[in-house]
Amino acid sequence: MSRSFPDDATLRSALAIADALTEQSGRPPTCNFALALLTRHLRLPPGAALSLFALGRAVGWIGHALEQYAGHRLIWPRARFTGVHP
């Protein structure tokens, strides 16, 4: 399977679930699925997945801020929302 999950039953089950979800919905699982699996594999305490998500998001924001500061300009998204507004 991998060096981190050598022949791991939990990973096999998770991959089967991810495949079934993808087949049924047409979309792969979100990062929350991976965070839940990682939290379980590492035996982290309840709430750890949310903490990991928040930490990753904060690091990304800091990276963007440093990039904008170094470039002396704001970075604006190039995408345009085309969905339905509530």
PDB file of N, CA and C in Angstrom:
ATOM      1  N   MET A   1       0.837  -1.184   0.000  1.00  0.00           N
ATOM      2  CA  MET A   1       0.000   0.000   0.000  1.00  0.00           C
ATOM      3  C   MET A   1       0.882   1.248   0.000  1.00  0.00           C
ATOM      4  N   SER A   2       1.580   1.485   1.100  1.00  0.00           N
ATOM      5  CA  SER A   2       2.526   2.605   1.159  1.00  0.00           C
ATOM      6  C   SER A   2       3.428   2.391   2.355  1.00  0.00           C
ATOM      7  N   ARG A   3       4.479   3.169   2.461  1.00  0.00           N
ATOM      8  CA  ARG A   3       5.370   3.040   3.618  1.00  0.00           C
ATOM      9  C   ARG A   3       4.668   3.473   4.899  1.00  0.00           C
ATOM     10  N   SER A   4       3.790   4.459   4.816  1.00  0.00           N
ATOM     11  CA  SER A   4       3.106   4.957   6.007  1.00  0.00           C
ATOM     12  C   SER A   4       1.982   4.033   6.460  1.00  0.00           C
ATOM     13  N   PHE A   5       1.392   3.304   5.531  1.00  0.00           N
ATOM     14  CA  PHE A   5       0.279   2.405   5.818  1.00  0.00           C
ATOM     15  C   PHE A   5       0.581   1.012   5.252  1.00  0.00           C
ATOM     16  N   PRO A   6       1.600   0.328   5.760  1.00  0.00           N
ATOM     17  CA  PRO A   6       1.914  -0.964   5.161  1.00  0.00           C
ATOM     18  C   PRO A   6       0.810  -1.985   5.444  1.00  0.00           C
ATOM     19  N   ASP A   7       0.149  -2.446   4.386  1.00  0.00           N
ATOM     20  CA  ASP A   7      -0.907  -3.455   4.483  1.00  0.00           C
ATOM     21  C   ASP A   7      -1.875  -3.160   5.630  1.00  0.00           C
ATOM     22  N   ASP A   8      -2.407  -1.960   5.629  1.00  0.00           N
ATOM     23  CA  ASP A   8      -3.275  -1.500   6.713  1.00  0.00           C
ATOM     24  C   ASP A   8      -4.747  -1.717   6.355  1.00  0.00           C
ATOM     25  N   ALA A   9      -5.474  -2.421   7.219  1.00  0.00           N
ATOM     26  CA  ALA A   9      -6.891  -2.712   6.968  1.00  0.00           C
ATOM     27  C   ALA A   9      -7.725  -1.438   6.937  1.00  0.00           C
ATOM     28  N   THR A  10      -7.395  -0.480   7.794  1.00  0.00           N
ATOM     29  CA  THR A  10      -8.149   0.781   7.824  1.00  0.00           C
ATOM     30  C   THR A  10      -7.996   1.524   6.501  1.00  0.00           C
ATOM     31  N   LEU A  11      -6.783   1.548   5.967  1.00  0.00           N
ATOM     32  CA  LEU A  11      -6.561   2.221   4.686  1.00  0.00           C
ATOM     33  C   LEU A  11      -7.294   1.498   3.557  1.00  0.00           C
ATOM     34  N   ARG A  12      -7.244   0.176   3.555  1.00  0.00           N
ATOM     35  CA  ARG A  12      -7.971  -0.575   2.527  1.00  0.00           C
ATOM     36  C   ARG A  12      -9.462  -0.250   2.580  1.00  0.00           C
ATOM     37  N   SER A  13     -10.012  -0.208   3.788  1.00  0.00           N
ATOM     38  CA  SER A  13     -11.435   0.121   3.938  1.00  0.00           C
ATOM     39  C   SER A  13     -11.716   1.545   3.474  1.00  0.00           C
ATOM     40  N   ALA A  14     -10.856   2.478   3.870  1.00  0.00           N
ATOM     41  CA  ALA A  14     -11.046   3.883   3.501  1.00  0.00           C
ATOM     42  C   ALA A  14     -10.976   4.067   1.986  1.00  0.00           C
ATOM     43  N   LEU A  15     -10.043   3.385   1.345  1.00  0.00           N
ATOM     44  CA  LEU A  15      -9.930   3.488  -0.115  1.00  0.00           C
ATOM     45  C   LEU A  15     -11.162   2.896  -0.804  1.00  0.00           C
ATOM     46  N   ALA A  16     -11.685   1.809  -0.252  1.00  0.00           N
ATOM     47  CA  ALA A  16     -12.902   1.220  -0.822  1.00  0.00           C
ATOM     48  C   ALA A  16     -14.081   2.177  -0.663  1.00  0.00           C
ATOM     49  N   ILE A  17     -14.164   2.820   0.499  1.00  0.00           N
ATOM     50  CA  ILE A  17     -15.232   3.803   0.734  1.00  0.00           C
ATOM     51  C   ILE A  17     -15.072   4.984  -0.211  1.00  0.00           C
ATOM     52  N   ALA A  18     -13.846   5.473  -0.361  1.00  0.00           N
ATOM     53  CA  ALA A  18     -13.592   6.606  -1.260  1.00  0.00           C
ATOM     54  C   ALA A  18     -13.954   6.250  -2.693  1.00  0.00           C
ATOM     55  N   ASP A  19     -13.607   5.032  -3.116  1.00  0.00           N
ATOM     56  CA  ASP A  19     -13.960   4.603  -4.469  1.00  0.00           C
ATOM     57  C   ASP A  19     -15.474   4.536  -4.650  1.00  0.00           C
ATOM     58  N   ALA A  20     -16.173   3.996  -3.644  1.00  0.00           N
ATOM     59  CA  ALA A  20     -17.636   3.894  -3.725  1.00  0.00           C
ATOM     60  C   ALA A  20     -18.274   5.279  -3.756  1.00  0.00           C
ATOM     61  N   LEU A  21     -17.767   6.183  -2.930  1.00  0.00           N
ATOM     62  CA  LEU A  21     -18.291   7.554  -2.924  1.00  0.00           C
ATOM     63  C   LEU A  21     -18.092   8.227  -4.276  1.00  0.00           C
ATOM     64  N   THR A  22     -16.917   8.049  -4.826  1.00  0.00           N
ATOM     65  CA  THR A  22     -16.602   8.651  -6.118  1.00  0.00           C
ATOM     66  C   THR A  22     -17.504   8.064  -7.211  1.00  0.00           C
ATOM     67  N   GLU A  23     -17.694   6.759  -7.164  1.00  0.00           N
ATOM     68  CA  GLU A  23     -18.546   6.111  -8.170  1.00  0.00           C
ATOM     69  C   GLU A  23     -19.995   6.582  -8.052  1.00  0.00           C
ATOM     70  N   GLN A  24     -20.488   6.716  -6.825  1.00  0.00           N
ATOM     71  CA  GLN A  24     -21.881   7.107  -6.624  1.00  0.00           C
ATOM     72  C   GLN A  24     -22.130   8.585  -6.915  1.00  0.00           C
ATOM     73  N   SER A  25     -21.206   9.438  -6.492  1.00  0.00           N
ATOM     74  CA  SER A  25     -21.427  10.883  -6.621  1.00  0.00           C
ATOM     75  C   SER A  25     -20.779  11.492  -7.853  1.00  0.00           C
ATOM     76  N   GLY A  26     -19.789  10.794  -8.410  1.00  0.00           N
ATOM     77  CA  GLY A  26     -19.059  11.347  -9.543  1.00  0.00           C
ATOM     78  C   GLY A  26     -17.972  12.324  -9.132  1.00  0.00           C
ATOM     79  N   ARG A  27     -17.789  12.471  -7.824  1.00  0.00           N
ATOM     80  CA  ARG A  27     -16.752  13.382  -7.315  1.00  0.00           C
ATOM     81  C   ARG A  27     -15.947  12.671  -6.228  1.00  0.00           C
ATOM     82  N   PRO A  28     -14.656  12.934  -6.160  1.00  0.00           N
ATOM     83  CA  PRO A  28     -13.850  12.297  -5.103  1.00  0.00           C
ATOM     84  C   PRO A  28     -14.157  12.918  -3.742  1.00  0.00           C
ATOM     85  N   PRO A  29     -13.821  12.212  -2.662  1.00  0.00           N
ATOM     86  CA  PRO A  29     -14.037  12.773  -1.329  1.00  0.00           C
ATOM     87  C   PRO A  29     -13.228  14.064  -1.136  1.00  0.00           C
ATOM     88  N   THR A  30     -13.671  14.887  -0.214  1.00  0.00           N
ATOM     89  CA  THR A  30     -12.984  16.142   0.076  1.00  0.00           C
ATOM     90  C   THR A  30     -11.786  15.895   0.994  1.00  0.00           C
ATOM     91  N   CYS A  31     -11.076  16.951   1.291  1.00  0.00           N
ATOM     92  CA  CYS A  31      -9.925  16.837   2.184  1.00  0.00           C
ATOM     93  C   CYS A  31     -10.350  16.400   3.584  1.00  0.00           C
ATOM     94  N   ASN A  32     -11.609  16.623   3.937  1.00  0.00           N
ATOM     95  CA  ASN A  32     -12.082  16.190   5.261  1.00  0.00           C
ATOM     96  C   ASN A  32     -11.965  14.678   5.418  1.00  0.00           C
ATOM     97  N   PHE A  33     -12.198  13.943   4.339  1.00  0.00           N
ATOM     98  CA  PHE A  33     -12.066  12.481   4.369  1.00  0.00           C
ATOM     99  C   PHE A  33     -10.623  12.105   4.701  1.00  0.00           C
ATOM    100  N   ALA A  34      -9.683  12.748   4.023  1.00  0.00           N
ATOM    101  CA  ALA A  34      -8.261  12.468   4.270  1.00  0.00           C
ATOM    102  C   ALA A  34      -7.854  12.872   5.679  1.00  0.00           C
ATOM    103  N   LEU A  35      -8.370  13.987   6.155  1.00  0.00           N
ATOM    104  CA  LEU A  35      -8.041  14.420   7.517  1.00  0.00           C
ATOM    105  C   LEU A  35      -8.576  13.434   8.552  1.00  0.00           C
ATOM    106  N   ALA A  36      -9.774  12.919   8.327  1.00  0.00           N
ATOM    107  CA  ALA A  36     -10.343  11.931   9.253  1.00  0.00           C
ATOM    108  C   ALA A  36      -9.503  10.660   9.255  1.00  0.00           C
ATOM    109  N   LEU A  37      -9.081  10.220   8.089  1.00  0.00           N
ATOM    110  CA  LEU A  37      -8.240   9.025   7.988  1.00  0.00           C
ATOM    111  C   LEU A  37      -6.893   9.248   8.669  1.00  0.00           C
ATOM    112  N   LEU A  38      -6.283  10.376   8.427  1.00  0.00           N
ATOM    113  CA  LEU A  38      -5.000  10.693   9.050  1.00  0.00           C
ATOM    114  C   LEU A  38      -5.130  10.761  10.571  1.00  0.00           C
ATOM    115  N   THR A  39      -6.186  11.398  11.041  1.00  0.00           N
ATOM    116  CA  THR A  39      -6.411  11.512  12.479  1.00  0.00           C
ATOM    117  C   THR A  39      -6.558  10.134  13.112  1.00  0.00           C
ATOM    118  N   ARG A  40      -7.307   9.274  12.427  1.00  0.00           N
ATOM    119  CA  ARG A  40      -7.503   7.913  12.955  1.00  0.00           C
ATOM    120  C   ARG A  40      -6.195   7.135  12.939  1.00  0.00           C
ATOM    121  N   HIS A  41      -5.446   7.204  11.827  1.00  0.00           N
ATOM    122  CA  HIS A  41      -4.193   6.462  11.700  1.00  0.00           C
ATOM    123  C   HIS A  41      -3.172   6.895  12.747  1.00  0.00           C
ATOM    124  N   LEU A  42      -3.097   8.185  12.994  1.00  0.00           N
ATOM    125  CA  LEU A  42      -2.121   8.704  13.961  1.00  0.00           C
ATOM    126  C   LEU A  42      -2.633   8.668  15.399  1.00  0.00           C
ATOM    127  N   ARG A  43      -3.895   8.210  15.561  1.00  0.00           N
ATOM    128  CA  ARG A  43      -4.527   8.119  16.884  1.00  0.00           C
ATOM    129  C   ARG A  43      -4.507   9.478  17.598  1.00  0.00           C
ATOM    130  N   LEU A  44      -4.862  10.505  16.832  1.00  0.00           N
ATOM    131  CA  LEU A  44      -4.911  11.853  17.399  1.00  0.00           C
ATOM    132  C   LEU A  44      -6.218  12.025  18.173  1.00  0.00           C
ATOM    133  N   PRO A  45      -6.246  12.980  19.097  1.00  0.00           N
ATOM    134  CA  PRO A  45      -7.448  13.181  19.917  1.00  0.00           C
ATOM    135  C   PRO A  45      -8.601  13.782  19.118  1.00  0.00           C
ATOM    136  N   PRO A  46      -9.820  13.678  19.659  1.00  0.00           N
ATOM    137  CA  PRO A  46     -10.971  14.286  18.983  1.00  0.00           C
ATOM    138  C   PRO A  46     -10.713  15.772  18.726  1.00  0.00           C
ATOM    139  N   GLY A  47     -11.123  16.240  17.583  1.00  0.00           N
ATOM    140  CA  GLY A  47     -10.920  17.642  17.222  1.00  0.00           C
ATOM    141  C   GLY A  47      -9.626  17.905  16.489  1.00  0.00           C
ATOM    142  N   ALA A  48      -8.762  16.895  16.407  1.00  0.00           N
ATOM    143  CA  ALA A  48      -7.465  17.102  15.767  1.00  0.00           C
ATOM    144  C   ALA A  48      -7.608  17.383  14.275  1.00  0.00           C
ATOM    145  N   ALA A  49      -8.582  16.746  13.622  1.00  0.00           N
ATOM    146  CA  ALA A  49      -8.750  16.976  12.183  1.00  0.00           C
ATOM    147  C   ALA A  49      -9.055  18.442  11.908  1.00  0.00           C
ATOM    148  N   LEU A  50      -9.929  19.030  12.708  1.00  0.00           N
ATOM    149  CA  LEU A  50     -10.254  20.453  12.535  1.00  0.00           C
ATOM    150  C   LEU A  50      -9.021  21.312  12.794  1.00  0.00           C
ATOM    151  N   SER A  51      -8.245  20.958  13.797  1.00  0.00           N
ATOM    152  CA  SER A  51      -7.026  21.713  14.095  1.00  0.00           C
ATOM    153  C   SER A  51      -6.031  21.632  12.941  1.00  0.00           C
ATOM    154  N   LEU A  52      -5.873  20.439  12.366  1.00  0.00           N
ATOM    155  CA  LEU A  52      -4.969  20.287  11.225  1.00  0.00           C
ATOM    156  C   LEU A  52      -5.452  21.102  10.034  1.00  0.00           C
ATOM    157  N   PHE A  53      -6.763  21.084   9.792  1.00  0.00           N
ATOM    158  CA  PHE A  53      -7.326  21.861   8.693  1.00  0.00           C
ATOM    159  C   PHE A  53      -7.059  23.353   8.907  1.00  0.00           C
ATOM    160  N   ALA A  54      -7.334  23.831  10.129  1.00  0.00           N
ATOM    161  CA  ALA A  54      -7.140  25.248  10.436  1.00  0.00           C
ATOM    162  C   ALA A  54      -5.665  25.635  10.325  1.00  0.00           C
ATOM    163  N   LEU A  55      -4.793  24.770  10.780  1.00  0.00           N
ATOM    164  CA  LEU A  55      -3.359  25.047  10.690  1.00  0.00           C
ATOM    165  C   LEU A  55      -2.922  25.163   9.231  1.00  0.00           C
ATOM    166  N   GLY A  56      -3.376  24.224   8.404  1.00  0.00           N
ATOM    167  CA  GLY A  56      -3.046  24.278   6.977  1.00  0.00           C
ATOM    168  C   GLY A  56      -3.580  25.536   6.319  1.00  0.00           C
ATOM    169  N   ARG A  57      -4.800  25.912   6.674  1.00  0.00           N
ATOM    170  CA  ARG A  57      -5.401  27.130   6.101  1.00  0.00           C
ATOM    171  C   ARG A  57      -4.604  28.362   6.539  1.00  0.00           C
ATOM    172  N   ALA A  58      -4.221  28.422   7.807  1.00  0.00           N
ATOM    173  CA  ALA A  58      -3.456  29.564   8.308  1.00  0.00           C
ATOM    174  C   ALA A  58      -2.105  29.670   7.608  1.00  0.00           C
ATOM    175  N   VAL A  59      -1.445  28.549   7.414  1.00  0.00           N
ATOM    176  CA  VAL A  59      -0.154  28.549   6.713  1.00  0.00           C
ATOM    177  C   VAL A  59      -0.335  29.066   5.288  1.00  0.00           C
ATOM    178  N   GLY A  60      -1.423  28.658   4.638  1.00  0.00           N
ATOM    179  CA  GLY A  60      -1.696  29.145   3.284  1.00  0.00           C
ATOM    180  C   GLY A  60      -1.921  30.640   3.251  1.00  0.00           C
ATOM    181  N   TRP A  61      -2.689  31.146   4.215  1.00  0.00           N
ATOM    182  CA  TRP A  61      -2.941  32.593   4.274  1.00  0.00           C
ATOM    183  C   TRP A  61      -1.641  33.359   4.496  1.00  0.00           C
ATOM    184  N   ILE A  62      -0.799  32.850   5.374  1.00  0.00           N
ATOM    185  CA  ILE A  62       0.483  33.512   5.635  1.00  0.00           C
ATOM    186  C   ILE A  62       1.331  33.502   4.365  1.00  0.00           C
ATOM    187  N   GLY A  63       1.328  32.371   3.657  1.00  0.00           N
ATOM    188  CA  GLY A  63       2.075  32.289   2.396  1.00  0.00           C
ATOM    189  C   GLY A  63       1.592  33.316   1.385  1.00  0.00           C
ATOM    190  N   HIS A  64       0.264  33.457   1.273  1.00  0.00           N
ATOM    191  CA  HIS A  64      -0.285  34.457   0.351  1.00  0.00           C
ATOM    192  C   HIS A  64       0.108  35.873   0.778  1.00  0.00           C
ATOM    193  N   ALA A  65       0.046  36.141   2.079  1.00  0.00           N
ATOM    194  CA  ALA A  65       0.403  37.471   2.566  1.00  0.00           C
ATOM    195  C   ALA A  65       1.870  37.784   2.268  1.00  0.00           C
ATOM    196  N   LEU A  66       2.755  36.798   2.486  1.00  0.00           N
ATOM    197  CA  LEU A  66       4.173  37.009   2.200  1.00  0.00           C
ATOM    198  C   LEU A  66       4.405  37.243   0.705  1.00  0.00           C
ATOM    199  N   GLU A  67       3.679  36.508  -0.120  1.00  0.00           N
ATOM    200  CA  GLU A  67       3.801  36.681  -1.570  1.00  0.00           C
ATOM    201  C   GLU A  67       3.333  38.071  -1.996  1.00  0.00           C
ATOM    202  N   GLN A  68       2.233  38.519  -1.432  1.00  0.00           N
ATOM    203  CA  GLN A  68       1.728  39.850  -1.771  1.00  0.00           C
ATOM    204  C   GLN A  68       2.677  40.937  -1.268  1.00  0.00           C
ATOM    205  N   TYR A  69       3.205  40.748  -0.074  1.00  0.00           N
ATOM    206  CA  TYR A  69       4.137  41.730   0.489  1.00  0.00           C
ATOM    207  C   TYR A  69       5.398  41.818  -0.372  1.00  0.00           C
ATOM    208  N   ALA A  70       5.914  40.656  -0.782  1.00  0.00           N
ATOM    209  CA  ALA A  70       7.142  40.644  -1.585  1.00  0.00           C
ATOM    210  C   ALA A  70       6.911  41.247  -2.970  1.00  0.00           C
ATOM    211  N   GLY A  71       5.713  41.055  -3.517  1.00  0.00           N
ATOM    212  CA  GLY A  71       5.420  41.570  -4.853  1.00  0.00           C
ATOM    213  C   GLY A  71       4.883  42.986  -4.849  1.00  0.00           C
ATOM    214  N   HIS A  72       4.675  43.569  -3.676  1.00  0.00           N
ATOM    215  CA  HIS A  72       4.156  44.934  -3.529  1.00  0.00           C
ATOM    216  C   HIS A  72       2.829  45.135  -4.263  1.00  0.00           C
ATOM    217  N   ARG A  73       1.984  44.083  -4.261  1.00  0.00           N
ATOM    218  CA  ARG A  73       0.668  44.210  -4.872  1.00  0.00           C
ATOM    219  C   ARG A  73      -0.261  43.166  -4.284  1.00  0.00           C
ATOM    220  N   LEU A  74      -1.551  43.458  -4.346  1.00  0.00           N
ATOM    221  CA  LEU A  74      -2.542  42.490  -3.909  1.00  0.00           C
ATOM    222  C   LEU A  74      -2.745  41.451  -4.999  1.00  0.00           C
ATOM    223  N   ILE A  75      -2.981  40.233  -4.585  1.00  0.00           N
ATOM    224  CA  ILE A  75      -3.258  39.166  -5.540  1.00  0.00           C
ATOM    225  C   ILE A  75      -4.761  38.930  -5.513  1.00  0.00           C
ATOM    226  N   TRP A  76      -5.408  39.148  -6.625  1.00  0.00           N
ATOM    227  CA  TRP A  76      -6.852  38.975  -6.721  1.00  0.00           C
ATOM    228  C   TRP A  76      -7.169  37.672  -7.414  1.00  0.00           C
ATOM    229  N   PRO A  77      -8.218  36.989  -6.973  1.00  0.00           N
ATOM    230  CA  PRO A  77      -8.605  35.752  -7.657  1.00  0.00           C
ATOM    231  C   PRO A  77      -8.983  36.032  -9.111  1.00  0.00           C
ATOM    232  N   ARG A  78      -8.638  35.101  -9.990  1.00  0.00           N
ATOM    233  CA  ARG A  78      -8.965  35.259 -11.404  1.00  0.00           C
ATOM    234  C   ARG A  78     -10.273  34.570 -11.763  1.00  0.00           C
ATOM    235  N   ALA A  79     -10.859  33.866 -10.809  1.00  0.00           N
ATOM    236  CA  ALA A  79     -12.101  33.149 -11.087  1.00  0.00           C
ATOM    237  C   ALA A  79     -13.297  34.074 -10.866  1.00  0.00           C
ATOM    238  N   ARG A  80     -14.393  33.746 -11.521  1.00  0.00           N
ATOM    239  CA  ARG A  80     -15.618  34.511 -11.374  1.00  0.00           C
ATOM    240  C   ARG A  80     -16.719  33.557 -10.940  1.00  0.00           C
ATOM    241  N   PHE A  81     -17.458  33.904  -9.890  1.00  0.00           N
ATOM    242  CA  PHE A  81     -18.539  33.071  -9.395  1.00  0.00           C
ATOM    243  C   PHE A  81     -19.657  33.026 -10.420  1.00  0.00           C
ATOM    244  N   THR A  82     -20.058  31.828 -10.788  1.00  0.00           N
ATOM    245  CA  THR A  82     -21.126  31.690 -11.786  1.00  0.00           C
ATOM    246  C   THR A  82     -22.315  30.923 -11.231  1.00  0.00           C
ATOM    247  N   GLY A  83     -22.287  30.641  -9.937  1.00  0.00           N
ATOM    248  CA  GLY A  83     -23.377  29.895  -9.315  1.00  0.00           C
ATOM    249  C   GLY A  83     -24.569  30.789  -8.995  1.00  0.00           C
ATOM    250  N   VAL A  84     -25.512  30.206  -8.320  1.00  0.00           N
ATOM    251  CA  VAL A  84     -26.723  30.909  -7.934  1.00  0.00           C
ATOM    252  C   VAL A  84     -26.527  31.515  -6.552  1.00  0.00           C
ATOM    253  N   HIS A  85     -26.815  32.780  -6.410  1.00  0.00           N
ATOM    254  CA  HIS A  85     -26.731  33.428  -5.104  1.00  0.00           C
ATOM    255  C   HIS A  85     -27.994  33.102  -4.314  1.00  0.00           C
ATOM    256  N   PRO A  86     -27.834  32.812  -3.021  1.00  0.00           N
ATOM    257  CA  PRO A  86     -29.019  32.467  -2.202  1.00  0.00           C
ATOM    258  C   PRO A  86     -29.952  33.658  -2.023  1.00  0.00           C
TER     259      PRO A  86
END
